[in-house]
Amino acid sequence: MAETVAVKAARDDWDQVLSGRGHAMTWRLGPNARRRGHAYFWEGTCTHCGAEISVSDGATSCGGVRDARHVPCSGPGTAVLTEIETARIDDLITDAVTEYRAALEVHMGCTHWSFYVLAGIATCLDCGHQWHI
């Protein structure tokens, strides 16, 4: 219970800071925040520009393109620009991952994603394939 009070207080503090920077935040409880064993946190999105923030007990983060903690609001109606930036970044990441997987298959004969690195040697956890990095 004390954790939820502390996190709500942190959310309210950030809401004041962000409104001072022009953001109009809408808040929702983070996914699984009420489930046992999961972190209790709030996610906020600016209705004007689409900037985002996540607030938990003693920490903040941002998983989006525009970080509300560091960027002032660009004004009403600019959230569509954030959506365009997010879509472009998603495309770039997808292209990079596709290229990386193709390189793995061609150069290393392995397209699995689970591997560990020890002493400069990467080992695939799925097939045991190894390569120097």
Protein backbone atom coordinates (compact mmCIF):
# COMPACT_ATOMS: atom_id res chain seq x y z
CA MET A 1 0.00 0.00 0.00
CA ALA A 2 2.84 2.41 0.86
CA GLU A 3 4.39 1.73 -2.55
CA THR A 4 1.22 2.77 -4.36
CA VAL A 5 1.01 5.99 -2.34
CA ALA A 6 4.67 6.81 -3.07
CA VAL A 7 4.26 6.10 -6.78
CA LYS A 8 1.09 8.19 -7.00
CA ALA A 9 2.91 11.04 -5.26
CA ALA A 10 5.82 10.73 -7.71
CA ARG A 11 3.36 10.72 -10.62
CA ASP A 12 1.67 13.85 -9.27
CA ASP A 13 5.04 15.58 -8.81
CA TRP A 14 6.05 14.76 -12.40
CA ASP A 15 2.64 15.88 -13.65
CA GLN A 16 3.30 19.33 -12.16
CA VAL A 17 6.82 19.49 -13.62
CA LEU A 18 5.64 18.41 -17.06
CA SER A 19 2.66 20.76 -17.12
CA GLY A 20 5.17 23.55 -16.48
CA ARG A 21 6.85 22.51 -19.74
CA GLY A 22 3.55 22.67 -21.61
CA HIS A 23 2.65 18.96 -21.52
CA ALA A 24 -0.96 17.91 -20.97
CA MET A 25 -0.45 14.40 -19.59
CA THR A 26 -2.96 11.60 -19.49
CA TRP A 27 -2.04 8.81 -17.08
CA ARG A 28 -2.80 5.11 -16.98
CA LEU A 29 -1.62 2.36 -14.69
CA GLY A 30 1.18 0.34 -16.26
CA PRO A 31 0.58 -3.17 -17.62
CA ASN A 32 0.39 -5.81 -14.87
CA ALA A 33 0.93 -3.12 -12.22
CA ARG A 34 -1.70 -4.63 -9.97
CA ARG A 35 -0.46 -8.21 -10.33
CA ARG A 36 1.57 -9.75 -7.56
CA GLY A 37 5.29 -9.66 -8.26
CA HIS A 38 5.07 -6.90 -10.87
CA ALA A 39 6.22 -3.32 -10.52
CA TYR A 40 3.58 -0.73 -9.71
CA PHE A 41 4.03 2.19 -12.11
CA TRP A 42 2.20 4.81 -14.13
CA GLU A 43 2.57 5.63 -17.83
CA GLY A 44 1.88 9.13 -19.07
CA THR A 45 1.39 10.47 -22.59
CA CYS A 46 1.06 14.12 -23.59
CA THR A 47 -2.19 14.67 -25.48
CA HIS A 48 -0.59 17.53 -27.42
CA CYS A 49 2.75 16.16 -28.63
CA GLY A 50 2.75 12.44 -27.76
CA ALA A 51 5.75 12.62 -25.40
CA GLU A 52 5.88 9.76 -22.90
CA ILE A 53 7.09 8.97 -19.39
CA SER A 54 6.85 6.03 -16.99
CA VAL A 55 6.94 6.73 -13.26
CA SER A 56 7.62 4.17 -10.54
CA ASP A 57 8.84 4.37 -6.96
CA GLY A 58 12.14 6.23 -7.20
CA ALA A 59 12.64 5.93 -10.96
CA THR A 60 11.40 7.30 -14.26
CA SER A 61 11.94 6.09 -17.81
CA CYS A 62 10.78 6.58 -21.36
CA GLY A 63 10.39 3.91 -24.01
CA GLY A 64 9.11 6.22 -26.72
CA VAL A 65 10.51 8.60 -29.30
CA ARG A 66 9.79 11.76 -27.31
CA ASP A 67 10.90 11.77 -23.69
CA ALA A 68 8.59 14.04 -21.69
CA ARG A 69 11.25 14.36 -18.97
CA HIS A 70 13.67 16.18 -21.27
CA VAL A 71 11.66 17.67 -24.15
CA PRO A 72 9.24 20.59 -23.87
CA CYS A 73 5.84 20.18 -25.49
CA SER A 74 5.80 21.12 -29.16
CA GLY A 75 2.15 22.19 -28.92
CA PRO A 76 -1.34 20.94 -29.61
CA GLY A 77 -1.78 18.83 -32.73
CA THR A 78 1.85 17.72 -32.95
CA ALA A 79 1.30 14.18 -31.62
CA VAL A 80 0.93 13.03 -35.21
CA LEU A 81 4.59 13.95 -35.78
CA THR A 82 5.58 11.68 -32.90
CA GLU A 83 3.51 8.90 -34.46
CA ILE A 84 5.33 9.41 -37.78
CA GLU A 85 8.73 9.37 -36.02
CA THR A 86 7.76 6.20 -34.13
CA ALA A 87 6.64 4.45 -37.31
CA ARG A 88 9.88 5.43 -39.06
CA ILE A 89 12.00 4.16 -36.18
CA ASP A 90 10.03 0.90 -36.13
CA ASP A 91 10.76 0.49 -39.85
CA LEU A 92 14.47 1.21 -39.35
CA ILE A 93 14.71 -1.28 -36.48
CA THR A 94 12.87 -3.95 -38.47
CA ASP A 95 15.22 -3.41 -41.42
CA ALA A 96 18.29 -3.60 -39.16
CA VAL A 97 17.11 -6.78 -37.45
CA THR A 98 16.29 -8.40 -40.80
CA GLU A 99 19.74 -7.48 -42.12
CA TYR A 100 21.40 -8.79 -38.96
CA ARG A 101 19.54 -12.12 -39.13
CA ALA A 102 20.52 -12.51 -42.78
CA ALA A 103 24.16 -11.83 -41.89
CA LEU A 104 24.02 -14.42 -39.12
CA GLU A 105 22.60 -17.01 -41.47
CA VAL A 106 25.14 -16.32 -44.23
CA HIS A 107 28.26 -15.88 -42.11
CA MET A 108 27.59 -18.03 -39.08
CA GLY A 109 24.97 -20.54 -40.17
CA CYS A 110 22.69 -19.67 -37.26
CA THR A 111 19.57 -17.52 -37.07
CA HIS A 112 18.65 -18.13 -33.43
CA TRP A 113 18.38 -15.24 -31.00
CA SER A 114 19.38 -16.88 -27.73
CA PHE A 115 23.13 -16.75 -27.15
CA TYR A 116 25.66 -15.88 -24.51
CA VAL A 117 29.14 -14.44 -24.78
CA LEU A 118 32.10 -15.65 -22.76
CA ALA A 119 35.74 -14.80 -23.39
CA GLY A 120 35.01 -13.39 -26.85
CA ILE A 121 33.09 -16.43 -28.05
CA ALA A 122 29.34 -16.27 -28.66
CA THR A 123 27.47 -19.55 -28.23
CA CYS A 124 23.94 -20.14 -29.51
CA LEU A 125 21.78 -21.60 -26.75
CA ASP A 126 19.49 -23.24 -29.31
CA CYS A 127 21.93 -25.11 -31.55
CA GLY A 128 25.32 -24.74 -29.86
CA HIS A 129 26.85 -22.94 -32.83
CA GLN A 130 29.85 -20.80 -31.77
CA TRP A 131 31.62 -17.84 -33.32
CA HIS A 132 34.28 -15.32 -32.30
CA ILE A 133 33.20 -11.77 -31.71
